[in-house]
Every structure is written in structure tokens, then in C-alpha cells.
């Protein structure tokens, strides 16, 4: 049985959460690494990571590593790889690259050199060349060049994995599903206790919580992954993937946790309700200000992404009111994805933990407070 090397990429700061998730899912070879998590397995394991990981941004197949001290060596290394199982003249492709410390070329030159070498190899093998498609390629090639070493990867995911397929509408400042899943794991939520998002927006955190608690594979809503468009994906592979999807559907169960999503804006609550229906989860939605939240009944956990900065015009006064309201939730754990340092300044409590993260291009802190 052929063993392959894969790489699950992570949003900055979520690597440990992704590594824990993959090990929990049975990827025993997963090891902690900056930027993402390498793991080994069969083709089925690569497909399974695309279907089951809630936190990975993408899943890559390592095609090869080689020395690339100059442009000629890069072209020779690309040309020496066996592209026939993945790319023929019938598939389209695109190449992207990242270069760090490479002496001979910037990213765009490396991309061009890699593309030309790949086309030359396919033409030599097949007598014709594949076409480039920048918007929707069948095969996405990624070249990672550090100093004089190159690694070439193929993207199994195709579209980024945060696109689950259920979010048909988004609020003014949507949170990526993969980051929502990461902060839920970082929060320490056990998938059973009461959970509240009092500033739910389009409902991403609450929906991801319900899917996680019910064991629903997040990739089941995707119509197609990138690997399904490769040359080596035929009828037998399609049947195997269909069976794998069926196993995951049978393994899901209704969410038993009490999850409440609320927001002061009735229009955005309507968006959240529609997204929850599309995701196939049942949640309690309430039109309510986060400032009115009370520590009534059994304590639970708050996980929320409040407004901040220029994106949603939240100033110091709003941060102060939020901190005061959450500080009244005695016995609760309060977890805030804060895009402004003002939230931490306004809390009288010392955070139990602080995780530096990034929401898109915006640096954030994930703050965890145990309110006594």
C-alpha cells in the first residue's frame, strides 16, 4: 500500500489546535510544525483529511523535494517529477510559489520557471501541453522555495476548506469557518456544556460548534474537491470516495449540547438562521444585546467574535461595556476573538490564556477568561 506525505496548512496561531484535531481523528503520524501539520498515509487518508478537518485551510500532497540553488536546477527538479498521474493535456493547471531566502529569483519568476518546466515535461511525455487556468484549474501546483531547497506540492482541496457549502449569506465582517472551529477547540469547550455566542453575526461559531458536537464531517457539504479532477481519479476512486462519505454520514448524530446564538440585529439573525438550516443544524436564536446577558442557570462558556476597529466601527466605549457585561458572568468561561487591544485593556480580569491569531489579514488575540 503506497504511503504518501501530506501537509495540512493552518491559519497562523492555530497549528497546535490543528495537530490535536488530526491526532484525535486518527492521523497518528501528525506532527506539530510551524505553518501546518505534516502527516503520512494512503490516498484515502488524504481524502479523509479534506472531509473531516475543521481547522485545516488546505491539504497538500508532497510531490517531491530537491536542491534548487539556481533557476536551471529548479527547472530540472520540476522536470524530473512524474506528473502523469495528476496532470495530462486534458487537465488545466495553475502554479503558485513562495520564496524565502532564494538568491536567484522573486516569487513571480519562480512561478514562471516552474510553469515552463512543467509544460515542457508534459509535452515531452504526451506530445501536447496542458492549458493554464488561473481562476478554476483542475490541478493546483504549489512551489515552496527556501534558500536552496524546493518542495513541490499539489492541492487536494481545490477551493479553500473553509468553504463548507452551508454559508449562503455572510454578515458585514464574516469569520472564516476554519478559524471559528479553531477557537472553539482552543476555548476548551467539551462539546457537551452550554455554549453561547452573544454577538453571533451570521452564526458561524454556533454552527461550527453544533457540527463539531454532532460529529458531522465539515467537508460533506462540498460538491467536489480538487483531487477529484486529477488524471488518476477514475470510477474506482469515485466509488471509494462515495463509500467514505457514506461512512461519515452514518457516523454523525444530532447535537446534544445547548448552544444559544444571539445578536442585537434582527436582519443578521435572519442570515444566521438561514445558514443554520443550510448546515442541517438546529440552534436557539435570540434577538438580544450582549450587554443584557445574565449568569442565570448552569454556567457555561461564551465564545464570540465581537465587533472591532474600522471594520465595524466599535470604539473604546463599546469595548468597555462588553468587558463589564462579560465580567458579570460569574462561574462562566468567556472567550473573545479580539481584533483590538482595547478589549484586553478594558477587562479588569487577567486572561487565563492569550493566543495570537489572524482573522484574514487582521492580527487578533484570542482571550480566555475564567470569571470567578
Protein backbone atom coordinates (compact mmCIF):
# COMPACT_ATOMS: atom_id res chain seq x y z
CA UNK A 1 0.00 0.00 0.00
CA UNK A 2 1.52 3.29 -1.11
CA UNK A 3 2.30 5.68 1.73
CA UNK A 4 2.25 9.37 0.83
CA UNK A 5 3.28 12.52 2.63
CA UNK A 6 0.61 15.19 3.15
CA UNK A 7 0.64 18.65 4.64
CA UNK A 8 -2.40 20.34 6.23
CA UNK A 9 -1.92 24.11 6.24
CA UNK A 10 -3.06 26.17 9.21
CA UNK A 11 -4.02 29.77 9.85
CA UNK A 12 -1.24 31.46 11.91
CA UNK A 13 -1.50 30.51 15.56
CA UNK A 14 -3.82 27.51 15.05
CA UNK A 15 -1.14 24.89 14.36
CA UNK A 16 -1.37 23.23 17.78
CA UNK A 17 -5.17 23.05 17.57
CA UNK A 18 -4.93 21.50 14.08
CA UNK A 19 -2.36 18.95 15.23
CA UNK A 20 -4.59 17.93 18.16
CA UNK A 21 -7.59 17.66 15.85
CA UNK A 22 -5.78 15.45 13.33
CA UNK A 23 -4.50 13.13 16.04
CA UNK A 24 -7.99 12.91 17.52
CA UNK A 25 -9.27 11.97 14.05
CA UNK A 26 -6.79 9.10 13.90
CA UNK A 27 -3.91 10.65 11.96
CA UNK A 28 -1.28 9.19 14.28
CA UNK A 29 1.70 10.45 12.26
CA UNK A 30 0.64 14.12 12.52
CA UNK A 31 3.43 16.23 14.00
CA UNK A 32 3.46 19.82 15.16
CA UNK A 33 5.09 22.20 12.70
CA UNK A 34 5.01 25.92 12.07
CA UNK A 35 2.50 26.88 9.36
CA UNK A 36 0.83 23.49 9.16
CA UNK A 37 0.88 19.82 10.08
CA UNK A 38 2.66 17.11 8.07
CA UNK A 39 1.23 13.58 8.20
CA UNK A 40 1.63 10.35 6.27
CA UNK A 41 -0.95 7.94 4.89
CA UNK A 42 -2.67 6.42 1.89
CA UNK A 43 -4.77 8.28 -0.66
CA UNK A 44 -7.80 7.54 1.49
CA UNK A 45 -6.16 9.38 4.40
CA UNK A 46 -5.59 12.45 2.27
CA UNK A 47 -9.24 12.43 1.19
CA UNK A 48 -10.34 11.88 4.77
CA UNK A 49 -8.39 14.92 5.96
CA UNK A 50 -10.19 17.07 3.39
CA UNK A 51 -13.55 15.74 4.54
CA UNK A 52 -13.02 15.71 8.31
CA UNK A 53 -10.66 18.52 9.30
CA UNK A 54 -12.47 21.57 10.60
CA UNK A 55 -9.32 23.65 11.08
CA UNK A 56 -7.07 22.94 8.07
CA UNK A 57 -7.02 25.66 5.42
CA UNK A 58 -5.93 23.24 2.70
CA UNK A 59 -4.45 19.73 2.40
CA UNK A 60 -1.45 19.22 0.13
CA UNK A 61 0.29 16.17 -1.32
CA UNK A 62 4.08 16.40 -1.33
CA UNK A 63 5.21 15.53 -4.84
CA UNK A 64 8.94 15.96 -4.30
CA UNK A 65 11.85 17.80 -2.73
CA UNK A 66 15.13 18.71 -4.40
CA UNK A 67 18.06 21.14 -4.34
CA UNK A 68 17.40 24.33 -6.30
CA UNK A 69 20.37 26.70 -5.98
CA UNK A 70 19.51 28.39 -9.27
CA UNK A 71 16.79 28.64 -11.92
CA UNK A 72 18.26 25.81 -14.01
CA UNK A 73 18.25 23.44 -11.04
CA UNK A 74 14.66 24.40 -10.25
CA UNK A 75 13.58 23.65 -13.82
CA UNK A 76 15.46 20.34 -13.81
CA UNK A 77 13.86 19.32 -10.49
CA UNK A 78 10.37 20.15 -11.74
CA UNK A 79 11.02 18.24 -14.95
CA UNK A 80 12.24 15.17 -13.08
CA UNK A 81 8.96 14.73 -11.22
CA UNK A 82 6.34 12.29 -12.52
CA UNK A 83 3.31 14.41 -13.41
CA UNK A 84 1.41 11.76 -15.38
CA UNK A 85 -0.82 10.52 -12.51
CA UNK A 86 -2.11 14.04 -11.93
CA UNK A 87 -1.78 16.24 -14.99
CA UNK A 88 -2.19 15.50 -18.69
CA UNK A 89 -3.04 17.78 -21.64
CA UNK A 90 -6.71 17.19 -20.74
CA UNK A 91 -6.38 18.95 -17.36
CA UNK A 92 -5.85 22.63 -16.71
CA UNK A 93 -3.40 23.81 -14.06
CA UNK A 94 -2.05 26.79 -12.15
CA UNK A 95 1.23 27.33 -10.32
CA UNK A 96 1.87 29.47 -7.25
CA UNK A 97 5.07 29.86 -5.28
CA UNK A 98 6.52 31.24 -2.07
CA UNK A 99 10.23 32.02 -1.85
CA UNK A 100 12.21 32.71 1.29
CA UNK A 101 15.90 33.42 1.10
CA UNK A 102 16.12 32.30 -2.54
CA UNK A 103 19.05 34.13 -4.08
CA UNK A 104 18.16 33.76 -7.75
CA UNK A 105 14.58 34.94 -8.19
CA UNK A 106 11.45 36.54 -6.67
CA UNK A 107 8.14 34.66 -6.41
CA UNK A 108 6.81 35.58 -9.85
CA UNK A 109 9.99 34.44 -11.63
CA UNK A 110 9.99 31.13 -9.72
CA UNK A 111 6.34 30.61 -10.68
CA UNK A 112 7.10 31.24 -14.36
CA UNK A 113 10.15 28.92 -14.34
CA UNK A 114 8.17 26.15 -12.65
CA UNK A 115 5.27 26.53 -15.10
CA UNK A 116 7.53 26.38 -18.14
CA UNK A 117 9.39 23.31 -16.82
CA UNK A 118 6.12 21.53 -16.06
CA UNK A 119 4.72 22.27 -19.53
CA UNK A 120 7.92 21.04 -21.16
CA UNK A 121 7.71 17.76 -19.22
CA UNK A 122 4.04 17.14 -20.12
CA UNK A 123 4.71 17.96 -23.78
CA UNK A 124 7.65 15.54 -23.83
CA UNK A 125 5.51 12.77 -22.27
CA UNK A 126 2.23 13.36 -24.10
CA UNK A 127 3.06 15.30 -27.25
CA UNK A 128 0.78 18.18 -26.20
CA UNK A 129 0.70 20.75 -23.44
CA UNK A 130 -1.93 21.45 -20.77
CA UNK A 131 -3.57 24.86 -20.50
CA UNK A 132 -3.25 27.32 -17.65
CA UNK A 133 -6.40 28.32 -15.77
CA UNK A 134 -5.82 30.95 -13.10
CA UNK A 135 -9.42 31.03 -11.85
CA UNK A 136 -10.51 27.38 -11.76
CA UNK A 137 -7.67 24.94 -12.51
CA UNK A 138 -8.04 21.18 -12.32
CA UNK A 139 -4.60 20.86 -10.70
CA UNK A 140 -3.14 23.46 -8.35
CA UNK A 141 0.66 23.28 -8.02
CA UNK A 142 2.49 24.98 -5.19
CA UNK A 143 6.28 25.50 -5.12
CA UNK A 144 7.85 26.33 -1.76
CA UNK A 145 11.46 27.52 -2.11
CA UNK A 146 13.57 28.11 0.98
CA UNK A 147 17.19 29.07 0.41
CA UNK A 148 18.46 26.40 -1.98
CA UNK A 149 15.79 23.72 -1.35
CA UNK A 150 12.48 23.35 -3.20
CA UNK A 151 9.38 21.39 -2.24
CA UNK A 152 6.56 20.85 -4.75
CA UNK A 153 3.00 20.20 -3.56
CA UNK A 154 -0.38 19.51 -5.15
CA UNK A 155 -3.51 20.95 -3.53
CA UNK A 156 -6.05 18.21 -2.77
CA UNK A 157 -8.69 20.67 -1.59
CA UNK A 158 -9.17 22.79 -4.71
CA UNK A 159 -11.25 25.53 -3.13
CA UNK A 160 -10.12 26.51 0.38
CA UNK A 161 -11.56 24.20 3.04
CA UNK A 162 -13.31 26.98 4.96
CA UNK A 163 -15.90 26.97 2.17
CA UNK A 164 -18.11 24.30 3.69
CA UNK A 165 -21.05 24.97 1.40
CA UNK A 166 -23.59 26.00 4.06
CA UNK A 167 -22.89 29.71 4.36
CA UNK A 168 -25.04 31.11 1.59
CA UNK A 169 -25.02 34.57 3.19
CA UNK A 170 -22.49 36.42 5.34
CA UNK A 171 -22.64 39.38 7.67
CA UNK A 172 -20.64 42.58 7.41
CA UNK A 173 -17.42 41.05 8.78
CA UNK A 174 -17.64 37.26 8.32
CA UNK A 175 -15.42 34.91 10.31
CA UNK A 176 -13.90 32.03 8.39
CA UNK A 177 -15.33 28.66 9.36
CA UNK A 178 -11.86 27.16 9.90
CA UNK A 179 -10.91 29.91 12.36
CA UNK A 180 -14.25 29.53 14.18
CA UNK A 181 -13.51 25.80 14.56
CA UNK A 182 -10.00 26.56 15.82
CA UNK A 183 -11.12 28.98 18.54
CA UNK A 184 -13.80 26.54 19.70
CA UNK A 185 -11.08 23.93 20.27
CA UNK A 186 -8.72 26.47 21.87
CA UNK A 187 -11.50 27.57 24.22
CA UNK A 188 -11.51 24.17 25.93
CA UNK A 189 -15.21 23.54 25.21
CA UNK A 190 -16.02 19.85 25.75
CA UNK A 191 -18.85 19.67 23.16
CA UNK A 192 -21.43 18.99 25.89
CA UNK A 193 -21.63 22.04 28.14
CA UNK A 194 -23.77 25.09 27.50
CA UNK A 195 -22.27 27.43 24.88
CA UNK A 196 -23.31 30.94 23.94
CA UNK A 197 -22.30 33.37 21.22
CA UNK A 198 -23.97 36.66 22.19
CA UNK A 199 -22.66 38.51 19.10
CA UNK A 200 -23.28 35.74 16.59
CA UNK A 201 -23.45 37.71 13.33
CA UNK A 202 -24.08 35.22 10.53
CA UNK A 203 -23.87 32.34 13.02
CA UNK A 204 -20.54 30.76 12.08
CA UNK A 205 -19.28 29.99 15.61
CA UNK A 206 -22.58 28.46 16.75
CA UNK A 207 -22.98 26.42 13.54
CA UNK A 208 -19.41 25.10 13.74
CA UNK A 209 -19.99 24.21 17.40
CA UNK A 210 -23.14 22.24 16.55
CA UNK A 211 -21.44 20.41 13.68
CA UNK A 212 -18.47 19.53 15.90
CA UNK A 213 -20.66 18.37 18.79
CA UNK A 214 -22.64 16.14 16.42
CA UNK A 215 -19.56 14.72 14.70
CA UNK A 216 -20.69 15.90 11.25
CA UNK A 217 -17.77 15.92 8.80
CA UNK A 218 -17.45 19.53 7.56
CA UNK A 219 -16.47 18.52 4.01
CA UNK A 220 -19.67 16.58 3.31
CA UNK A 221 -21.36 19.73 2.03
CA UNK A 222 -18.70 20.26 -0.63
CA UNK A 223 -19.71 19.30 -4.17
CA UNK A 224 -16.19 18.41 -5.31
CA UNK A 225 -12.59 18.52 -4.14
CA UNK A 226 -9.55 19.29 -6.23
CA UNK A 227 -8.26 15.71 -6.23
CA UNK A 228 -11.45 14.56 -7.97
CA UNK A 229 -10.28 16.45 -11.07
CA UNK A 230 -6.85 14.82 -11.29
CA UNK A 231 -5.91 12.35 -14.02
CA UNK A 232 -5.65 9.41 -11.58
CA UNK A 233 -9.17 9.86 -10.19
CA UNK A 234 -11.39 7.42 -12.08
CA UNK A 235 -14.51 5.35 -11.48
CA UNK A 236 -12.91 3.12 -8.83
CA UNK A 237 -11.68 6.12 -6.85
CA UNK A 238 -15.07 7.81 -7.15
CA UNK A 239 -16.76 4.73 -5.70
CA UNK A 240 -14.27 4.55 -2.84
CA UNK A 241 -14.86 8.22 -2.06
CA UNK A 242 -18.64 7.68 -2.18
CA UNK A 243 -18.31 4.90 0.40
CA UNK A 244 -16.10 7.08 2.59
CA UNK A 245 -18.69 9.87 2.52
CA UNK A 246 -21.38 7.34 3.44
CA UNK A 247 -19.39 6.14 6.47
CA UNK A 248 -19.07 9.72 7.68
CA UNK A 249 -22.75 10.46 7.23
CA UNK A 250 -23.63 7.40 9.29
CA UNK A 251 -21.20 8.48 12.00
CA UNK A 252 -22.91 11.84 12.59
CA UNK A 253 -25.51 12.38 15.31
CA UNK A 254 -27.79 15.23 16.37
CA UNK A 255 -26.07 17.84 18.52
CA UNK A 256 -26.94 17.27 22.19
CA UNK A 257 -25.21 20.41 23.53
CA UNK A 258 -27.23 23.51 24.41
CA UNK A 259 -25.98 26.23 22.03
CA UNK A 260 -27.55 29.69 22.00
CA UNK A 261 -26.72 32.30 19.36
CA UNK A 262 -27.92 35.86 19.83
CA UNK A 263 -27.45 39.27 18.25
CA UNK A 264 -28.96 42.70 18.56
CA UNK A 265 -29.53 42.96 14.78
CA UNK A 266 -32.68 41.12 13.59
CA UNK A 267 -31.56 41.15 9.95
CA UNK A 268 -28.26 39.43 10.67
CA UNK A 269 -30.10 36.91 12.86
CA UNK A 270 -32.18 36.04 9.82
CA UNK A 271 -28.98 35.34 7.92
CA UNK A 272 -27.74 33.13 10.79
CA UNK A 273 -30.99 31.14 10.85
CA UNK A 274 -30.81 30.51 7.10
CA UNK A 275 -27.17 29.44 7.33
CA UNK A 276 -28.00 27.04 10.17
CA UNK A 277 -30.78 25.46 8.10
CA UNK A 278 -28.39 25.06 5.16
CA UNK A 279 -25.88 23.37 7.51
CA UNK A 280 -28.56 21.00 8.79
CA UNK A 281 -28.27 22.03 12.46
CA UNK A 282 -30.92 23.19 14.91
CA UNK A 283 -29.92 26.12 17.12
CA UNK A 284 -31.63 28.52 19.51
CA UNK A 285 -31.50 32.08 18.19
CA UNK A 286 -32.41 35.14 20.25
CA UNK A 287 -32.64 38.82 19.44
CA UNK A 288 -30.80 40.27 22.41
CA UNK A 289 -27.98 42.65 23.24
CA UNK A 290 -24.84 41.02 24.59
CA UNK A 291 -24.92 43.64 27.34
CA UNK A 292 -28.12 42.07 28.70
CA UNK A 293 -26.63 38.60 29.11
CA UNK A 294 -27.05 37.19 32.63
CA UNK A 295 -25.34 34.38 34.55
CA UNK A 296 -28.64 32.58 35.04
CA UNK A 297 -28.88 28.83 35.43
CA UNK A 298 -25.97 26.49 34.93
CA UNK A 299 -22.66 28.19 34.00
CA UNK A 300 -21.31 27.66 30.52
CA UNK A 301 -18.87 29.09 28.05
CA UNK A 302 -19.01 32.17 25.82
CA UNK A 303 -17.15 32.04 22.52
CA UNK A 304 -17.62 35.14 20.43
CA UNK A 305 -16.09 37.40 17.78
CA UNK A 306 -17.19 40.91 18.79
CA UNK A 307 -17.02 43.97 16.54
CA UNK A 308 -13.75 45.86 16.48
CA UNK A 309 -11.79 48.55 14.72
CA UNK A 310 -12.71 50.21 11.48
CA UNK A 311 -14.40 47.08 10.14
CA UNK A 312 -17.47 47.52 12.34
CA UNK A 313 -16.83 50.90 13.96
CA UNK A 314 -16.53 49.65 17.55
CA UNK A 315 -14.71 52.07 19.82
CA UNK A 316 -13.38 52.11 23.38
CA UNK A 317 -16.83 52.70 24.89
CA UNK A 318 -18.25 49.56 23.27
CA UNK A 319 -15.24 47.51 24.41
CA UNK A 320 -15.68 48.82 27.95
CA UNK A 321 -19.39 47.93 28.01
CA UNK A 322 -18.64 44.47 26.63
CA UNK A 323 -15.95 43.83 29.25
CA UNK A 324 -18.29 44.98 32.04
CA UNK A 325 -21.14 42.75 30.82
CA UNK A 326 -18.97 39.65 30.47
CA UNK A 327 -17.34 40.26 33.87
CA UNK A 328 -20.78 39.72 35.47
CA UNK A 329 -20.96 36.14 34.20
CA UNK A 330 -19.70 34.55 37.42
CA UNK A 331 -18.76 30.90 37.00
CA UNK A 332 -18.55 31.18 33.21
CA UNK A 333 -15.59 30.97 30.87
CA UNK A 334 -15.52 33.89 28.43
CA UNK A 335 -13.52 33.58 25.19
CA UNK A 336 -13.18 36.56 22.87
CA UNK A 337 -11.55 36.80 19.45
CA UNK A 338 -10.37 40.39 19.86
CA UNK A 339 -9.15 42.39 16.90
CA UNK A 340 -8.39 45.36 19.11
CA UNK A 341 -6.11 45.57 22.18
CA UNK A 342 -8.86 47.70 23.75
CA UNK A 343 -10.77 44.59 24.83
CA UNK A 344 -7.90 43.32 26.96
CA UNK A 345 -7.30 46.81 28.40
CA UNK A 346 -10.94 47.13 29.47
CA UNK A 347 -11.11 43.78 31.31
CA UNK A 348 -10.23 44.03 35.00
CA UNK A 349 -9.58 40.28 34.99
CA UNK A 350 -6.31 38.71 33.96
CA UNK A 351 -6.78 36.34 30.99
CA UNK A 352 -6.26 32.65 31.64
CA UNK A 353 -4.69 32.34 28.18
CA UNK A 354 -3.89 34.55 25.19
CA UNK A 355 -3.46 33.11 21.69
CA UNK A 356 -2.10 35.38 18.92
CA UNK A 357 -4.16 34.61 15.79
CA UNK A 358 -5.05 36.23 12.48
CA UNK A 359 -8.54 36.79 11.11
CA UNK A 360 -7.70 37.11 7.42
CA UNK A 361 -5.05 39.83 7.26
CA UNK A 362 -6.01 41.28 10.64
CA UNK A 363 -3.88 40.34 13.68
CA UNK A 364 -6.06 39.26 16.62
CA UNK A 365 -5.82 37.91 20.13
CA UNK A 366 -7.97 35.07 21.36
CA UNK A 367 -8.56 35.92 25.03
CA UNK A 368 -9.80 33.34 27.54
CA UNK A 369 -11.14 34.45 30.92
CA UNK A 370 -12.47 32.35 33.80
CA UNK A 371 -14.93 34.68 35.55
CA UNK A 372 -14.99 33.94 39.29
